[in-house]
Structure formats: C-alpha cells, structure tokens
Amino acid sequence: MNFRIRPSILVIALFSLVFVVGFFLLIEPQLTPIGENLERLDAYSHLNNPTPIPSPDTSTLTSETTKVQGLLPQENNLYDLSVEIEALSKTLPISLTALSLDPSVASAPATTSAQAGAAGGIALPASVEKSTINITATGSYTDLQTFCEGLTKLDRYIDIQDLSMTGTPTTTQSTVTLTAVTYNLPNANQ
C-alpha cells in the first residue's frame, strides 16, 4: 500500500496548519484585551441611558424660602427681636444689664463681619439694611457662653461682630459685652 498525498492537498493542509498555529500564537492574544474592554463597556452601558431627574419637592422649597425670608425680614421688628433676646436670657441664670437695638442707617451700606475682613470689605446689596445690637450681661462663664451660642440660633440672622468676656470658667461671676448686627430686606416682595 502506497499512500501518496497529492501536492495540492499537502499545500492546503500545511497552509491550514500554519493558519491555525498563527491564529493561536498571534491573533488570539490580541483578542483577549478586546474582549475585556467589551466587558467593561457593557458594565458602563447604564451611563448611556440617563436616569430621569426627579421633580423638585415644592413643599420643601416653599418652607426653605419662608425660612430665608424670616432670617431677612422686610421690617426691622426690633421690638420682637428684643423680646426674643430677653426670653433667651430668662432661660439661663444670667442678668441682662444692657440691651440696645439701634435701627438701620440708610446711608451706610451693610457688610457682614466675614466681608469686612476681606480686602476692601465687600458690601451687601444696597437694599439690605442693618441694625446694631449692643448687649451686656452677667452670669457664670458657661451660662454666658450658652447665651451667646443661643443668639446665633435665633430665627433671625444675627452676626456677632465684637465680643469681650471678663472672667474665667472657674469664676462665679463673669461679664460679656457684645456688639452684633441683624439685617432686613425692606420691600422684598415688591
């Protein structure tokens, strides 16, 4: 028995063998990173479909707007503010020895203490008015500290600009003197 392979079949078989070996040695290693990149792209495919933005909750927006309007009321209402400050002092064992609230000065532009520290002091809009608050109180150091913190938590924005305290945490009687400002925005709804 004599098996003889025709040269054309031998060429085809040799070419196929070279093609298969070449595929596994040269082309297949190049396909692996492409497959990994396709998997990564599939993992990020959700980015192509934007998530709808929920509509804003208007009740929360309305309450926040009301809160801001309360912090910058249209009128000074200095009497109401003095009642709030006195009520705060009565919640603590301190004594208010002086409380004065001076109405806004129309000719001076209002600035916050943070703005005053900046170079040149940036003024608030001309429509914002400020009123000065001067307070002197006596009591224990801790109670006076609580009182000053309480001032900043009132429903109206109060910017403490100057504060001096005599006494120490160990003394029984201390005195605090502070100057603060409060703001109002007249004719805000017009």
C-alpha atoms as a PDB file:
ATOM      1  CA  MET A   1       0.000   0.000   0.000  1.00  0.00           C
ATOM      2  CA  ASN A   2       1.369   3.156  -1.067  1.00  0.00           C
ATOM      3  CA  PHE A   3      -0.222   6.342   0.253  1.00  0.00           C
ATOM      4  CA  ARG A   4       0.535   9.239  -1.741  1.00  0.00           C
ATOM      5  CA  ILE A   5      -0.793  12.662  -0.908  1.00  0.00           C
ATOM      6  CA  ARG A   6      -1.335  14.924  -3.723  1.00  0.00           C
ATOM      7  CA  PRO A   7       0.771  18.064  -3.547  1.00  0.00           C
ATOM      8  CA  SER A   8      -2.285  20.335  -3.705  1.00  0.00           C
ATOM      9  CA  ILE A   9      -3.807  18.693  -0.611  1.00  0.00           C
ATOM     10  CA  LEU A  10      -0.446  18.861   1.142  1.00  0.00           C
ATOM     11  CA  VAL A  11      -0.228  22.607   0.444  1.00  0.00           C
ATOM     12  CA  ILE A  12      -3.771  23.145   1.714  1.00  0.00           C
ATOM     13  CA  ALA A  13      -3.075  21.109   4.882  1.00  0.00           C
ATOM     14  CA  LEU A  14       0.204  22.929   5.513  1.00  0.00           C
ATOM     15  CA  PHE A  15      -1.468  26.315   4.925  1.00  0.00           C
ATOM     16  CA  SER A  16      -4.297  25.364   7.327  1.00  0.00           C
ATOM     17  CA  LEU A  17      -1.805  24.237   9.968  1.00  0.00           C
ATOM     18  CA  VAL A  18       0.154  27.497   9.669  1.00  0.00           C
ATOM     19  CA  PHE A  19      -3.112  29.469   9.823  1.00  0.00           C
ATOM     20  CA  VAL A  20      -4.342  27.667  12.977  1.00  0.00           C
ATOM     21  CA  VAL A  21      -0.966  27.931  14.740  1.00  0.00           C
ATOM     22  CA  GLY A  22      -0.634  31.578  13.696  1.00  0.00           C
ATOM     23  CA  PHE A  23      -4.130  32.326  14.937  1.00  0.00           C
ATOM     24  CA  PHE A  24      -3.404  30.948  18.400  1.00  0.00           C
ATOM     25  CA  LEU A  25       0.058  32.495  18.617  1.00  0.00           C
ATOM     26  CA  LEU A  26      -0.528  35.929  17.064  1.00  0.00           C
ATOM     27  CA  ILE A  27      -4.201  36.833  16.764  1.00  0.00           C
ATOM     28  CA  GLU A  28      -5.846  35.218  19.831  1.00  0.00           C
ATOM     29  CA  PRO A  29      -3.701  37.132  22.414  1.00  0.00           C
ATOM     30  CA  GLN A  30      -4.811  40.359  20.723  1.00  0.00           C
ATOM     31  CA  LEU A  31      -8.485  39.384  21.032  1.00  0.00           C
ATOM     32  CA  THR A  32      -8.351  38.893  24.839  1.00  0.00           C
ATOM     33  CA  PRO A  33      -7.917  42.616  25.686  1.00  0.00           C
ATOM     34  CA  ILE A  34     -10.634  43.465  23.176  1.00  0.00           C
ATOM     35  CA  GLY A  35     -12.995  41.052  24.924  1.00  0.00           C
ATOM     36  CA  GLU A  36     -12.107  42.538  28.328  1.00  0.00           C
ATOM     37  CA  ASN A  37     -12.729  46.050  27.001  1.00  0.00           C
ATOM     38  CA  LEU A  38     -16.112  44.960  25.644  1.00  0.00           C
ATOM     39  CA  GLU A  39     -16.996  43.583  29.087  1.00  0.00           C
ATOM     40  CA  ARG A  40     -16.023  46.933  30.672  1.00  0.00           C
ATOM     41  CA  LEU A  41     -18.138  48.774  28.128  1.00  0.00           C
ATOM     42  CA  ASP A  42     -21.095  46.549  28.982  1.00  0.00           C
ATOM     43  CA  ALA A  43     -20.569  47.339  32.665  1.00  0.00           C
ATOM     44  CA  TYR A  44     -20.880  51.082  31.880  1.00  0.00           C
ATOM     45  CA  SER A  45     -23.741  50.741  29.414  1.00  0.00           C
ATOM     46  CA  HIS A  46     -26.165  52.154  32.006  1.00  0.00           C
ATOM     47  CA  LEU A  47     -24.433  55.516  31.565  1.00  0.00           C
ATOM     48  CA  ASN A  48     -25.842  55.792  28.068  1.00  0.00           C
ATOM     49  CA  ASN A  49     -29.381  55.712  29.492  1.00  0.00           C
ATOM     50  CA  PRO A  50     -29.686  58.821  31.653  1.00  0.00           C
ATOM     51  CA  THR A  51     -31.680  58.485  34.847  1.00  0.00           C
ATOM     52  CA  PRO A  52     -34.614  60.873  34.874  1.00  0.00           C
ATOM     53  CA  ILE A  53     -34.188  63.704  37.367  1.00  0.00           C
ATOM     54  CA  PRO A  54     -36.965  63.683  39.941  1.00  0.00           C
ATOM     55  CA  SER A  55     -39.088  66.794  40.065  1.00  0.00           C
ATOM     56  CA  PRO A  56     -38.221  69.049  42.992  1.00  0.00           C
ATOM     57  CA  ASP A  57     -40.362  68.849  46.104  1.00  0.00           C
ATOM     58  CA  THR A  58     -42.015  72.263  46.073  1.00  0.00           C
ATOM     59  CA  SER A  59     -43.207  71.983  49.665  1.00  0.00           C
ATOM     60  CA  THR A  60     -39.592  71.789  50.861  1.00  0.00           C
ATOM     61  CA  LEU A  61     -38.629  74.685  48.602  1.00  0.00           C
ATOM     62  CA  THR A  62     -41.506  76.771  49.946  1.00  0.00           C
ATOM     63  CA  SER A  63     -40.535  76.093  53.558  1.00  0.00           C
ATOM     64  CA  GLU A  64     -36.895  76.968  52.845  1.00  0.00           C
ATOM     65  CA  THR A  65     -37.962  80.214  51.132  1.00  0.00           C
ATOM     66  CA  THR A  66     -40.101  81.110  54.129  1.00  0.00           C
ATOM     67  CA  LYS A  67     -37.166  80.380  56.442  1.00  0.00           C
ATOM     68  CA  VAL A  68     -34.841  82.665  54.452  1.00  0.00           C
ATOM     69  CA  GLN A  69     -37.470  85.417  54.422  1.00  0.00           C
ATOM     70  CA  GLY A  70     -37.663  85.036  58.195  1.00  0.00           C
ATOM     71  CA  LEU A  71     -33.913  85.420  58.529  1.00  0.00           C
ATOM     72  CA  LEU A  72     -34.018  88.620  56.459  1.00  0.00           C
ATOM     73  CA  PRO A  73     -37.424  90.075  57.267  1.00  0.00           C
ATOM     74  CA  GLN A  74     -38.924  93.035  55.405  1.00  0.00           C
ATOM     75  CA  GLU A  75     -39.202  95.137  58.541  1.00  0.00           C
ATOM     76  CA  ASN A  76     -36.751  95.572  61.366  1.00  0.00           C
ATOM     77  CA  ASN A  77     -39.176  94.356  64.041  1.00  0.00           C
ATOM     78  CA  LEU A  78     -36.582  95.344  66.625  1.00  0.00           C
ATOM     79  CA  TYR A  79     -39.166  95.156  69.393  1.00  0.00           C
ATOM     80  CA  ASP A  80     -39.852  91.481  68.591  1.00  0.00           C
ATOM     81  CA  LEU A  81     -36.115  90.802  68.444  1.00  0.00           C
ATOM     82  CA  SER A  82     -35.590  92.425  71.862  1.00  0.00           C
ATOM     83  CA  VAL A  83     -38.364  90.227  73.293  1.00  0.00           C
ATOM     84  CA  GLU A  84     -36.643  87.128  71.849  1.00  0.00           C
ATOM     85  CA  ILE A  85     -33.267  88.143  73.326  1.00  0.00           C
ATOM     86  CA  GLU A  86     -34.822  88.802  76.752  1.00  0.00           C
ATOM     87  CA  ALA A  87     -36.669  85.473  76.611  1.00  0.00           C
ATOM     88  CA  LEU A  88     -33.397  83.717  75.799  1.00  0.00           C
ATOM     89  CA  SER A  89     -31.694  85.378  78.763  1.00  0.00           C
ATOM     90  CA  LYS A  90     -34.523  84.263  81.091  1.00  0.00           C
ATOM     91  CA  THR A  91     -33.933  80.602  80.150  1.00  0.00           C
ATOM     92  CA  LEU A  92     -30.495  80.886  81.783  1.00  0.00           C
ATOM     93  CA  PRO A  93     -29.436  82.189  85.188  1.00  0.00           C
ATOM     94  CA  ILE A  94     -27.919  85.369  83.707  1.00  0.00           C
ATOM     95  CA  SER A  95     -28.786  89.027  84.048  1.00  0.00           C
ATOM     96  CA  LEU A  96     -29.049  91.401  81.072  1.00  0.00           C
ATOM     97  CA  THR A  97     -27.544  94.660  82.321  1.00  0.00           C
ATOM     98  CA  ALA A  98     -27.828  96.474  78.970  1.00  0.00           C
ATOM     99  CA  LEU A  99     -29.694  95.830  75.730  1.00  0.00           C
ATOM    100  CA  SER A 100     -29.931  98.367  72.940  1.00  0.00           C
ATOM    101  CA  LEU A 101     -31.063  97.884  69.372  1.00  0.00           C
ATOM    102  CA  ASP A 102     -30.268 100.752  67.007  1.00  0.00           C
ATOM    103  CA  PRO A 103     -32.260 100.974  63.768  1.00  0.00           C
ATOM    104  CA  SER A 104     -30.504 100.792  60.428  1.00  0.00           C
ATOM    105  CA  VAL A 105     -28.595 103.700  58.997  1.00  0.00           C
ATOM    106  CA  ALA A 106     -29.717 104.260  55.409  1.00  0.00           C
ATOM    107  CA  SER A 107     -26.513 105.975  54.277  1.00  0.00           C
ATOM    108  CA  ALA A 108     -24.115 103.181  55.306  1.00  0.00           C
ATOM    109  CA  PRO A 109     -24.041 100.014  53.162  1.00  0.00           C
ATOM    110  CA  ALA A 110     -24.391  96.837  55.203  1.00  0.00           C
ATOM    111  CA  THR A 111     -21.431  94.458  55.435  1.00  0.00           C
ATOM    112  CA  THR A 112     -21.031  91.173  57.255  1.00  0.00           C
ATOM    113  CA  SER A 113     -18.097  90.579  59.603  1.00  0.00           C
ATOM    114  CA  ALA A 114     -16.754  87.981  57.166  1.00  0.00           C
ATOM    115  CA  GLN A 115     -16.905  90.527  54.368  1.00  0.00           C
ATOM    116  CA  ALA A 116     -15.297  93.248  56.469  1.00  0.00           C
ATOM    117  CA  GLY A 117     -12.221  91.054  56.930  1.00  0.00           C
ATOM    118  CA  ALA A 118     -11.742  90.767  53.167  1.00  0.00           C
ATOM    119  CA  ALA A 119      -9.594  93.309  51.376  1.00  0.00           C
ATOM    120  CA  GLY A 120     -11.665  96.405  50.844  1.00  0.00           C
ATOM    121  CA  GLY A 121     -14.787  94.900  52.508  1.00  0.00           C
ATOM    122  CA  ILE A 122     -17.438  93.736  50.041  1.00  0.00           C
ATOM    123  CA  ALA A 123     -20.771  95.465  50.643  1.00  0.00           C
ATOM    124  CA  LEU A 124     -24.105  93.694  50.688  1.00  0.00           C
ATOM    125  CA  PRO A 125     -26.726  94.820  48.148  1.00  0.00           C
ATOM    126  CA  ALA A 126     -27.888  98.385  48.776  1.00  0.00           C
ATOM    127  CA  SER A 127     -31.424  97.222  49.609  1.00  0.00           C
ATOM    128  CA  VAL A 128     -30.220  95.282  52.681  1.00  0.00           C
ATOM    129  CA  GLU A 129     -30.337  97.319  55.890  1.00  0.00           C
ATOM    130  CA  LYS A 130     -28.537  96.510  59.106  1.00  0.00           C
ATOM    131  CA  SER A 131     -29.353  97.317  62.708  1.00  0.00           C
ATOM    132  CA  THR A 132     -26.850  97.264  65.557  1.00  0.00           C
ATOM    133  CA  ILE A 133     -27.384  95.273  68.753  1.00  0.00           C
ATOM    134  CA  ASN A 134     -25.390  96.024  71.941  1.00  0.00           C
ATOM    135  CA  ILE A 135     -25.693  93.619  74.866  1.00  0.00           C
ATOM    136  CA  THR A 136     -24.047  93.445  78.273  1.00  0.00           C
ATOM    137  CA  ALA A 137     -24.864  90.501  80.537  1.00  0.00           C
ATOM    138  CA  THR A 138     -23.542  88.971  83.752  1.00  0.00           C
ATOM    139  CA  GLY A 139     -23.620  85.400  84.969  1.00  0.00           C
ATOM    140  CA  SER A 140     -21.459  82.311  85.063  1.00  0.00           C
ATOM    141  CA  TYR A 141     -18.941  81.854  82.272  1.00  0.00           C
ATOM    142  CA  THR A 142     -20.698  78.723  80.992  1.00  0.00           C
ATOM    143  CA  ASP A 143     -24.154  80.331  81.030  1.00  0.00           C
ATOM    144  CA  LEU A 144     -22.878  83.391  79.161  1.00  0.00           C
ATOM    145  CA  GLN A 145     -21.258  81.140  76.587  1.00  0.00           C
ATOM    146  CA  THR A 146     -24.581  79.288  76.159  1.00  0.00           C
ATOM    147  CA  PHE A 147     -26.372  82.653  75.823  1.00  0.00           C
ATOM    148  CA  CYS A 148     -24.025  83.793  73.023  1.00  0.00           C
ATOM    149  CA  GLU A 149     -24.486  80.490  71.195  1.00  0.00           C
ATOM    150  CA  GLY A 150     -28.252  80.852  71.608  1.00  0.00           C
ATOM    151  CA  LEU A 151     -28.164  84.297  69.991  1.00  0.00           C
ATOM    152  CA  THR A 152     -26.786  82.790  66.801  1.00  0.00           C
ATOM    153  CA  LYS A 153     -29.573  80.179  66.781  1.00  0.00           C
ATOM    154  CA  LEU A 154     -32.488  82.611  66.887  1.00  0.00           C
ATOM    155  CA  ASP A 155     -34.907  82.591  63.939  1.00  0.00           C
ATOM    156  CA  ARG A 156     -33.379  85.845  62.729  1.00  0.00           C
ATOM    157  CA  TYR A 157     -29.839  86.144  61.368  1.00  0.00           C
ATOM    158  CA  ILE A 158     -27.542  87.768  63.935  1.00  0.00           C
ATOM    159  CA  ASP A 159     -23.889  88.433  63.093  1.00  0.00           C
ATOM    160  CA  ILE A 160     -21.780  88.835  66.260  1.00  0.00           C
ATOM    161  CA  GLN A 161     -19.040  91.268  65.298  1.00  0.00           C
ATOM    162  CA  ASP A 162     -17.347  92.042  68.620  1.00  0.00           C
ATOM    163  CA  LEU A 163     -17.379  90.059  71.849  1.00  0.00           C
ATOM    164  CA  SER A 164     -15.413  90.542  75.042  1.00  0.00           C
ATOM    165  CA  MET A 165     -15.769  88.462  78.167  1.00  0.00           C
ATOM    166  CA  THR A 166     -14.287  89.020  81.593  1.00  0.00           C
ATOM    167  CA  GLY A 167     -13.873  86.121  83.960  1.00  0.00           C
ATOM    168  CA  THR A 168     -12.836  82.520  83.523  1.00  0.00           C
ATOM    169  CA  PRO A 169     -14.665  79.202  83.579  1.00  0.00           C
ATOM    170  CA  THR A 170     -13.716  78.828  87.261  1.00  0.00           C
ATOM    171  CA  THR A 171     -15.039  82.232  88.445  1.00  0.00           C
ATOM    172  CA  THR A 172     -18.611  82.528  89.693  1.00  0.00           C
ATOM    173  CA  GLN A 173     -19.360  85.895  88.068  1.00  0.00           C
ATOM    174  CA  SER A 174     -18.390  86.868  84.507  1.00  0.00           C
ATOM    175  CA  THR A 175     -19.465  89.665  82.213  1.00  0.00           C
ATOM    176  CA  VAL A 176     -19.922  89.593  78.454  1.00  0.00           C
ATOM    177  CA  THR A 177     -20.191  92.647  76.228  1.00  0.00           C
ATOM    178  CA  LEU A 178     -21.029  92.103  72.599  1.00  0.00           C
ATOM    179  CA  THR A 179     -21.898  94.062  69.508  1.00  0.00           C
ATOM    180  CA  ALA A 180     -23.845  92.346  66.769  1.00  0.00           C
ATOM    181  CA  VAL A 181     -25.836  93.296  63.701  1.00  0.00           C
ATOM    182  CA  THR A 182     -29.049  91.990  62.246  1.00  0.00           C
ATOM    183  CA  TYR A 183     -30.256  92.545  58.706  1.00  0.00           C
ATOM    184  CA  ASN A 184     -33.560  93.206  56.998  1.00  0.00           C
ATOM    185  CA  LEU A 185     -34.567  93.381  53.358  1.00  0.00           C
ATOM    186  CA  PRO A 186     -37.280  96.035  53.010  1.00  0.00           C
ATOM    187  CA  ASN A 187     -39.779  95.719  50.182  1.00  0.00           C
ATOM    188  CA  ALA A 188     -38.573  92.215  49.305  1.00  0.00           C
ATOM    189  CA  ASN A 189     -41.886  91.236  47.679  1.00  0.00           C
ATOM    190  CA  GLN A 190     -42.256  94.368  45.549  1.00  0.00           C
END
